[in-house]
């Protein structure tokens, strides 16, 4: 199963690279030049909790006082025809198991139409459009560097390899202040979704898992011990284990360009009894997501998101409910943007292994300032605080409660 999964991913990557090279060589310059990139370098000052990236129990990405490349990405949106476009995002990260690869690869079909109700579709490896926070190139946030707990989890464990269909109606086509869209998708390749949120809990960072990536967590004895669950201290989130199709549906509403609302229901339909040779399990994960944005004026906006769901593995060997929300206020003055966000996140268990303690919760406060020096260069300073608890830390003789903080100074170059 592992070899088959890896082979399929390589075929997908090779196909998209060939398509990208072909498009760049055969398309007119105006179409082929829709390529850009972002490079971020940083200096970080953080607490003493070892990061989940290094098999620790801390929920931040960085350890101690460090400096280096935060991330680098290339993105492209090439018009192959007037109706078909190729979209790709490739990332480089200095940390993690896979440091270079694709976070998104898709083709979109969006025909020109004079109709009031229109149709579009996309196929490939992509995010559901449930976030109003991660709206910058490469699914980054233009507001903060440490993303919300919700979208940190989406970025590390969720991607769909499938098909998405939409019918939509722009308000201007009907001379109405309201625009709407109905979304439906089916997918495979996300069966382990729920692993990391159950055993580690929510985290707060900006790293997106790549196409063949692995997300680490601490080696909790009840997880890795053969007398209990017998699972490795990592998850590779984009495996297909049971050949079942998952699905999601969504509704988008927008009032003028002032107020936006997005609702999604997601169900990966995974078989919780499925397991592969690595001892990676299927997790039946489903959730509701509601995102909201309101522009108070031309410079100030309020953004919020609420997620509520559950995941189960095995014969209820692990079963958790998870709930999270955030509220963010962002204000722009000239080249300055100031954002403040409050996060709340809870994971509560109700399974048959009381010794495998998976309750966790916490809250976070993030304050960020970003300054555009010009069209290419940006400087930013962010201060993040969170207080979190995870009962399974007791298995490692660590305190259950943690107070974490992180200061980031970031320089960003965009082209």
Protein backbone atom coordinates (compact mmCIF):
# COMPACT_ATOMS: atom_id res chain seq x y z
CA UNK A 1 0.00 0.00 0.00
CA UNK A 2 2.84 2.43 0.79
CA UNK A 3 4.62 1.77 -2.47
CA UNK A 4 1.36 2.11 -4.39
CA UNK A 5 0.58 5.41 -2.66
CA UNK A 6 4.06 6.79 -3.34
CA UNK A 7 3.94 5.62 -6.97
CA UNK A 8 0.59 7.33 -7.55
CA UNK A 9 1.89 10.56 -6.08
CA UNK A 10 4.96 10.46 -8.30
CA UNK A 11 2.81 9.91 -11.37
CA UNK A 12 0.63 12.88 -10.40
CA UNK A 13 3.67 15.09 -9.80
CA UNK A 14 5.40 14.09 -13.04
CA UNK A 15 2.18 14.67 -14.99
CA UNK A 16 1.73 18.14 -13.57
CA UNK A 17 5.36 19.09 -14.07
CA UNK A 18 5.17 18.01 -17.71
CA UNK A 19 1.92 19.92 -18.13
CA UNK A 20 3.50 22.99 -16.53
CA UNK A 21 6.55 22.82 -18.78
CA UNK A 22 4.37 22.32 -21.83
CA UNK A 23 2.14 25.22 -20.87
CA UNK A 24 5.06 27.56 -20.26
CA UNK A 25 6.55 26.68 -23.65
CA UNK A 26 3.40 26.81 -25.78
CA UNK A 27 1.38 29.57 -24.15
CA UNK A 28 1.78 33.21 -25.18
CA UNK A 29 3.98 35.29 -22.83
CA UNK A 30 1.00 37.04 -21.22
CA UNK A 31 -0.42 33.68 -20.15
CA UNK A 32 2.88 32.03 -19.26
CA UNK A 33 4.03 34.85 -16.98
CA UNK A 34 1.41 34.20 -14.27
CA UNK A 35 4.13 32.77 -12.03
CA UNK A 36 5.26 34.22 -8.72
CA UNK A 37 6.96 33.38 -5.49
CA UNK A 38 7.46 34.26 -1.84
CA UNK A 39 10.55 33.85 0.36
CA UNK A 40 10.43 34.50 4.10
CA UNK A 41 13.42 34.63 6.47
CA UNK A 42 13.01 34.97 10.20
CA UNK A 43 14.50 35.36 13.64
CA UNK A 44 12.54 33.62 16.39
CA UNK A 45 12.63 33.76 20.16
CA UNK A 46 10.51 31.06 21.74
CA UNK A 47 10.05 29.02 24.90
CA UNK A 48 11.74 25.82 26.10
CA UNK A 49 9.01 23.38 25.08
CA UNK A 50 10.27 20.94 22.45
CA UNK A 51 8.30 21.24 19.22
CA UNK A 52 6.06 18.50 17.85
CA UNK A 53 8.32 18.77 14.76
CA UNK A 54 11.08 17.20 16.85
CA UNK A 55 8.80 14.65 18.55
CA UNK A 56 8.10 16.98 21.46
CA UNK A 57 4.80 18.01 23.03
CA UNK A 58 4.98 21.77 22.31
CA UNK A 59 2.40 23.11 19.85
CA UNK A 60 4.65 25.71 18.15
CA UNK A 61 6.79 24.99 15.10
CA UNK A 62 10.12 26.43 16.25
CA UNK A 63 12.42 25.43 19.12
CA UNK A 64 14.42 27.90 21.25
CA UNK A 65 16.11 30.89 19.59
CA UNK A 66 16.61 30.23 15.91
CA UNK A 67 16.98 32.07 12.59
CA UNK A 68 16.76 31.00 8.98
CA UNK A 69 14.36 30.49 6.11
CA UNK A 70 10.77 30.37 7.25
CA UNK A 71 9.56 29.12 3.89
CA UNK A 72 9.88 29.63 0.16
CA UNK A 73 7.23 28.95 -2.44
CA UNK A 74 6.52 29.17 -6.13
CA UNK A 75 2.96 29.45 -7.42
CA UNK A 76 1.56 29.46 -10.91
CA UNK A 77 -1.81 29.99 -12.53
CA UNK A 78 -1.39 29.35 -16.24
CA UNK A 79 -4.25 29.71 -18.71
CA UNK A 80 -3.98 26.64 -20.91
CA UNK A 81 -7.11 27.70 -22.82
CA UNK A 82 -9.74 30.37 -22.23
CA UNK A 83 -11.59 27.89 -19.98
CA UNK A 84 -8.83 25.71 -18.51
CA UNK A 85 -6.08 26.80 -16.13
CA UNK A 86 -3.25 24.97 -14.40
CA UNK A 87 -2.61 25.83 -10.75
CA UNK A 88 0.41 24.66 -8.78
CA UNK A 89 2.12 25.60 -5.51
CA UNK A 90 5.54 24.20 -4.59
CA UNK A 91 7.12 24.82 -1.16
CA UNK A 92 10.52 24.60 0.43
CA UNK A 93 10.82 24.25 4.21
CA UNK A 94 14.08 23.72 6.12
CA UNK A 95 12.27 21.62 8.74
CA UNK A 96 10.04 18.57 8.60
CA UNK A 97 10.39 15.20 6.94
CA UNK A 98 9.74 16.39 3.37
CA UNK A 99 11.39 19.71 2.71
CA UNK A 100 10.58 20.26 -0.96
CA UNK A 101 7.37 19.36 -2.76
CA UNK A 102 3.90 20.35 -3.83
CA UNK A 103 1.22 21.59 -1.46
CA UNK A 104 -1.31 22.05 -4.28
CA UNK A 105 -1.65 20.75 -7.85
CA UNK A 106 -4.88 21.20 -9.77
CA UNK A 107 -6.51 22.06 -13.05
CA UNK A 108 -9.59 24.27 -13.16
CA UNK A 109 -12.34 24.39 -15.75
CA UNK A 110 -14.19 27.72 -15.73
CA UNK A 111 -15.96 28.40 -19.03
CA UNK A 112 -16.93 31.90 -20.08
CA UNK A 113 -20.68 32.23 -19.89
CA UNK A 114 -23.24 35.06 -20.17
CA UNK A 115 -25.65 33.11 -17.96
CA UNK A 116 -26.68 34.39 -14.56
CA UNK A 117 -25.89 30.97 -13.03
CA UNK A 118 -22.47 29.62 -14.01
CA UNK A 119 -20.48 26.41 -13.58
CA UNK A 120 -16.86 25.61 -12.76
CA UNK A 121 -14.85 22.57 -11.66
CA UNK A 122 -11.38 21.58 -10.59
CA UNK A 123 -9.45 18.34 -10.24
CA UNK A 124 -6.21 17.50 -8.47
CA UNK A 125 -4.64 17.96 -5.04
CA UNK A 126 -6.09 21.03 -3.31
CA UNK A 127 -7.66 22.63 -0.24
CA UNK A 128 -11.39 23.00 0.29
CA UNK A 129 -12.05 26.75 0.22
CA UNK A 130 -13.25 26.90 3.79
CA UNK A 131 -10.75 29.49 5.05
CA UNK A 132 -11.14 33.27 4.89
CA UNK A 133 -7.84 33.62 6.76
CA UNK A 134 -5.52 31.87 4.27
CA UNK A 135 -6.26 33.96 1.20
CA UNK A 136 -2.75 35.00 0.12
CA UNK A 137 -0.67 33.29 -2.58
CA UNK A 138 0.27 29.71 -1.68
CA UNK A 139 -2.53 29.47 0.92
CA UNK A 140 -0.66 31.83 3.27
CA UNK A 141 -2.29 34.34 5.56
CA UNK A 142 -1.75 38.04 4.78
CA UNK A 143 -2.53 38.90 8.41
CA UNK A 144 -0.31 36.86 10.75
CA UNK A 145 2.61 34.43 10.49
CA UNK A 146 1.32 32.07 13.17
CA UNK A 147 -1.99 30.92 11.77
CA UNK A 148 -5.13 30.04 13.68
CA UNK A 149 -5.38 26.63 15.33
CA UNK A 150 -8.07 25.63 12.82
CA UNK A 151 -6.08 26.45 9.71
CA UNK A 152 -2.80 25.21 11.18
CA UNK A 153 -4.49 21.81 11.40
CA UNK A 154 -6.03 22.10 7.93
CA UNK A 155 -2.59 22.92 6.52
CA UNK A 156 -0.89 19.92 8.11
CA UNK A 157 -3.49 17.14 7.85
CA UNK A 158 -6.06 18.04 5.20
CA UNK A 159 -5.85 17.96 1.41
CA UNK A 160 -8.18 16.37 -1.11
CA UNK A 161 -7.10 14.36 -4.14
CA UNK A 162 -10.30 14.51 -6.12
CA UNK A 163 -12.92 16.52 -8.00
CA UNK A 164 -14.82 19.66 -6.99
CA UNK A 165 -17.88 21.07 -8.77
CA UNK A 166 -19.48 24.47 -8.24
CA UNK A 167 -22.46 26.41 -9.49
CA UNK A 168 -22.31 30.10 -8.73
CA UNK A 169 -24.00 33.38 -9.49
CA UNK A 170 -22.19 36.74 -9.22
CA UNK A 171 -24.43 39.47 -7.90
CA UNK A 172 -23.58 41.80 -10.77
CA UNK A 173 -25.02 39.27 -13.25
CA UNK A 174 -28.42 39.66 -11.53
CA UNK A 175 -28.05 43.31 -10.49
CA UNK A 176 -28.17 42.09 -6.91
CA UNK A 177 -25.95 42.87 -3.91
CA UNK A 178 -25.80 39.13 -3.16
CA UNK A 179 -23.46 36.58 -4.76
CA UNK A 180 -23.67 32.87 -4.00
CA UNK A 181 -21.95 29.57 -4.75
CA UNK A 182 -22.80 25.91 -4.07
CA UNK A 183 -19.85 23.50 -3.84
CA UNK A 184 -19.73 19.70 -3.91
CA UNK A 185 -16.62 17.51 -4.03
CA UNK A 186 -15.54 13.90 -3.84
CA UNK A 187 -12.02 12.75 -3.06
CA UNK A 188 -9.65 10.03 -1.90
CA UNK A 189 -6.27 10.02 -0.18
CA UNK A 190 -6.99 11.61 3.19
CA UNK A 191 -7.88 8.59 5.34
CA UNK A 192 -5.47 9.27 8.29
CA UNK A 193 -7.07 12.71 8.82
CA UNK A 194 -7.68 13.03 12.55
CA UNK A 195 -4.52 11.30 13.81
CA UNK A 196 -2.56 14.36 14.83
CA UNK A 197 -5.48 16.31 16.26
CA UNK A 198 -6.34 13.34 18.50
CA UNK A 199 -2.93 12.48 19.93
CA UNK A 200 -1.18 15.84 19.84
CA UNK A 201 -4.16 18.20 19.76
CA UNK A 202 -4.29 21.51 17.92
CA UNK A 203 -1.06 23.37 17.16
CA UNK A 204 -0.33 26.90 15.94
CA UNK A 205 2.14 27.47 13.10
CA UNK A 206 2.38 28.16 9.35
CA UNK A 207 3.82 24.95 7.89
CA UNK A 208 1.78 23.14 5.24
CA UNK A 209 2.34 19.42 4.73
CA UNK A 210 3.64 18.53 1.28
CA UNK A 211 2.44 15.79 -1.05
CA UNK A 212 4.43 12.92 0.54
CA UNK A 213 5.02 14.52 3.93
CA UNK A 214 5.14 13.12 7.44
CA UNK A 215 3.96 14.98 10.58
CA UNK A 216 5.71 13.97 13.79
CA UNK A 217 4.44 13.92 17.35
CA UNK A 218 5.74 12.73 20.71
CA UNK A 219 6.26 9.00 21.30
CA UNK A 220 3.42 8.48 23.79
CA UNK A 221 3.76 4.98 25.31
CA UNK A 222 0.07 4.12 24.86
CA UNK A 223 0.33 4.96 21.16
CA UNK A 224 3.57 3.25 20.18
CA UNK A 225 3.44 0.30 22.64
CA UNK A 226 2.41 -2.99 21.01
CA UNK A 227 0.25 -3.84 24.03
CA UNK A 228 -1.93 -0.83 23.31
CA UNK A 229 -2.55 0.85 19.95
CA UNK A 230 0.81 0.18 18.25
CA UNK A 231 1.06 3.22 15.97
CA UNK A 232 4.28 5.05 14.96
CA UNK A 233 5.01 8.49 16.40
CA UNK A 234 4.11 10.18 13.13
CA UNK A 235 1.36 10.32 10.53
CA UNK A 236 1.56 10.54 6.75
CA UNK A 237 -1.78 12.25 6.19
CA UNK A 238 -2.38 11.75 2.47
CA UNK A 239 -2.71 7.97 2.25
CA UNK A 240 -5.60 6.05 0.72
CA UNK A 241 -6.33 3.01 2.90
CA UNK A 242 -9.83 1.75 2.08
CA UNK A 243 -10.70 2.81 -1.49
CA UNK A 244 -13.72 4.74 -0.21
CA UNK A 245 -14.65 8.15 -1.58
CA UNK A 246 -14.96 11.02 0.85
CA UNK A 247 -17.00 14.15 0.19
CA UNK A 248 -17.63 17.71 1.24
CA UNK A 249 -20.26 20.29 0.46
CA UNK A 250 -20.11 24.05 0.83
CA UNK A 251 -22.16 27.22 0.57
CA UNK A 252 -20.65 30.66 -0.10
CA UNK A 253 -22.57 33.93 0.31
CA UNK A 254 -21.23 37.43 -0.26
CA UNK A 255 -22.95 40.78 0.19
CA UNK A 256 -21.36 43.31 -2.18
CA UNK A 257 -17.64 43.10 -1.39
CA UNK A 258 -18.31 43.79 2.27
CA UNK A 259 -19.55 40.63 4.00
CA UNK A 260 -18.69 36.98 3.26
CA UNK A 261 -19.97 33.75 4.79
CA UNK A 262 -18.80 30.19 4.02
CA UNK A 263 -20.24 26.98 5.43
CA UNK A 264 -18.69 23.53 4.80
CA UNK A 265 -19.53 19.99 5.84
CA UNK A 266 -16.65 17.53 5.43
CA UNK A 267 -16.67 13.72 5.78
CA UNK A 268 -13.73 11.62 4.64
CA UNK A 269 -15.86 8.43 4.91
CA UNK A 270 -12.76 6.51 6.04
CA UNK A 271 -13.04 2.96 7.37
CA UNK A 272 -11.81 3.21 11.00
CA UNK A 273 -10.73 -0.44 10.83
CA UNK A 274 -8.42 0.08 7.84
CA UNK A 275 -4.67 -0.14 8.54
CA UNK A 276 -1.57 -0.35 6.35
CA UNK A 277 1.85 -1.93 6.78
CA UNK A 278 3.16 1.13 8.65
CA UNK A 279 0.36 0.74 11.19
CA UNK A 280 -1.27 3.95 9.96
CA UNK A 281 -5.01 3.76 10.55
CA UNK A 282 -8.08 5.06 8.85
CA UNK A 283 -9.86 7.72 10.90
CA UNK A 284 -13.53 8.52 10.18
CA UNK A 285 -13.40 12.29 10.45
CA UNK A 286 -16.26 14.71 9.86
CA UNK A 287 -16.81 18.32 10.79
CA UNK A 288 -18.77 21.51 10.22
CA UNK A 289 -16.92 24.75 9.43
CA UNK A 290 -18.39 28.25 9.36
CA UNK A 291 -16.24 31.23 8.26
CA UNK A 292 -17.23 34.88 8.37
CA UNK A 293 -15.68 38.16 7.23
CA UNK A 294 -17.07 41.67 7.50
CA UNK A 295 -15.32 44.83 6.33
CA UNK A 296 -16.10 47.52 8.86
CA UNK A 297 -14.67 50.09 6.44
CA UNK A 298 -12.12 50.14 3.61
CA UNK A 299 -9.24 49.52 6.02
CA UNK A 300 -10.67 47.39 8.82
CA UNK A 301 -12.08 43.90 8.76
CA UNK A 302 -13.35 41.32 11.21
CA UNK A 303 -12.68 37.63 10.43
CA UNK A 304 -13.88 34.59 12.34
CA UNK A 305 -14.17 30.84 11.92
CA UNK A 306 -15.84 28.07 13.90
CA UNK A 307 -15.16 24.34 13.46
CA UNK A 308 -16.85 21.46 15.25
CA UNK A 309 -16.39 17.77 14.50
CA UNK A 310 -15.35 14.29 15.59
CA UNK A 311 -12.98 11.50 14.60
CA UNK A 312 -12.88 7.78 15.43
CA UNK A 313 -10.25 5.08 14.90
CA UNK A 314 -10.78 1.33 15.28
CA UNK A 315 -13.62 -0.03 17.36
CA UNK A 316 -13.69 3.27 19.19
CA UNK A 317 -10.08 2.69 20.28
CA UNK A 318 -9.78 6.45 19.91
CA UNK A 319 -12.79 8.72 19.68
CA UNK A 320 -12.63 12.48 20.15
CA UNK A 321 -14.80 15.51 19.60
CA UNK A 322 -12.97 18.67 18.58
CA UNK A 323 -14.09 22.29 18.63
CA UNK A 324 -12.18 25.43 17.77
CA UNK A 325 -12.86 29.03 16.88
CA UNK A 326 -11.03 32.30 16.39
CA UNK A 327 -11.85 35.97 16.12
CA UNK A 328 -9.47 38.35 14.33
CA UNK A 329 -9.46 42.09 13.81
CA UNK A 330 -7.18 43.50 11.12
CA UNK A 331 -6.59 47.16 10.29
CA UNK A 332 -4.51 48.68 7.50
CA UNK A 333 -3.03 52.18 7.56
CA UNK A 334 -1.06 53.10 4.46
CA UNK A 335 1.63 50.39 4.14
CA UNK A 336 1.04 49.10 7.69
CA UNK A 337 -1.27 46.23 8.64
CA UNK A 338 -1.95 45.42 12.30
CA UNK A 339 -3.82 42.24 13.22
CA UNK A 340 -4.88 40.68 16.50
CA UNK A 341 -6.44 37.23 16.83
CA UNK A 342 -7.82 35.21 19.73
CA UNK A 343 -8.05 31.40 19.40
CA UNK A 344 -9.86 28.80 21.48
CA UNK A 345 -9.50 25.05 20.86
CA UNK A 346 -10.70 21.91 22.65
CA UNK A 347 -10.28 18.16 22.06
CA UNK A 348 -12.34 15.85 24.32
CA UNK A 349 -12.24 12.05 24.25
CA UNK A 350 -14.86 9.36 24.82
CA UNK A 351 -13.18 6.08 23.87
CA UNK A 352 -12.51 2.62 25.30
CA UNK A 353 -8.86 3.14 26.33
CA UNK A 354 -8.90 5.35 29.46
CA UNK A 355 -5.12 5.00 29.76
CA UNK A 356 -4.66 6.63 26.33
CA UNK A 357 -5.45 10.14 27.54
CA UNK A 358 -6.34 12.44 24.64
CA UNK A 359 -8.08 15.43 26.23
CA UNK A 360 -6.42 18.70 25.29
CA UNK A 361 -7.40 22.34 25.13
CA UNK A 362 -6.00 25.82 25.02
CA UNK A 363 -6.24 29.37 23.82
CA UNK A 364 -3.91 31.68 21.96
CA UNK A 365 -3.38 35.38 21.42
CA UNK A 366 -1.50 36.61 18.35
CA UNK A 367 -0.50 40.21 17.57
CA UNK A 368 1.15 40.98 14.24
CA UNK A 369 2.46 44.05 12.45
CA UNK A 370 3.37 43.87 8.74
CA UNK A 371 4.90 46.76 6.80
CA UNK A 372 5.13 46.89 3.01
CA UNK A 373 8.39 48.62 2.12
CA UNK A 374 7.45 48.42 -1.57
CA UNK A 375 5.71 46.00 -3.95
CA UNK A 376 8.33 43.32 -3.29
CA UNK A 377 9.61 43.69 0.26
CA UNK A 378 7.76 43.40 3.56
CA UNK A 379 8.89 43.45 7.19
CA UNK A 380 6.87 41.97 10.00
CA UNK A 381 6.92 41.52 13.76
CA UNK A 382 4.66 39.10 15.60
CA UNK A 383 4.13 38.23 19.24
CA UNK A 384 2.25 35.05 20.04
CA UNK A 385 1.13 33.65 23.40
CA UNK A 386 -0.75 30.46 24.11
CA UNK A 387 -1.73 28.46 27.14
CA UNK A 388 -2.49 24.81 26.46
CA UNK A 389 -2.94 21.53 28.27
CA UNK A 390 -2.63 17.92 27.10
CA UNK A 391 -3.31 15.05 29.47
CA UNK A 392 -1.06 12.62 27.62
CA UNK A 393 2.03 14.64 28.59
CA UNK A 394 1.77 12.88 31.95
CA UNK A 395 2.84 9.65 30.19
CA UNK A 396 6.21 11.31 29.50
CA UNK A 397 6.54 12.74 33.04
CA UNK A 398 5.94 16.25 31.74
CA UNK A 399 3.61 18.90 33.14
CA UNK A 400 0.13 18.69 31.66
CA UNK A 401 -0.14 22.48 31.34
CA UNK A 402 2.13 24.63 29.16
CA UNK A 403 2.52 28.37 28.76
CA UNK A 404 4.16 29.05 25.40
CA UNK A 405 5.27 32.23 23.67
CA UNK A 406 7.01 33.14 20.45
CA UNK A 407 8.39 36.34 18.98
CA UNK A 408 8.98 36.39 15.22
CA UNK A 409 10.78 38.97 13.13
CA UNK A 410 10.18 38.23 9.45
CA UNK A 411 11.46 39.69 6.20
CA UNK A 412 9.52 38.70 3.11
CA UNK A 413 10.34 39.04 -0.58
CA UNK A 414 7.57 38.58 -3.15
CA UNK A 415 7.69 38.58 -6.93
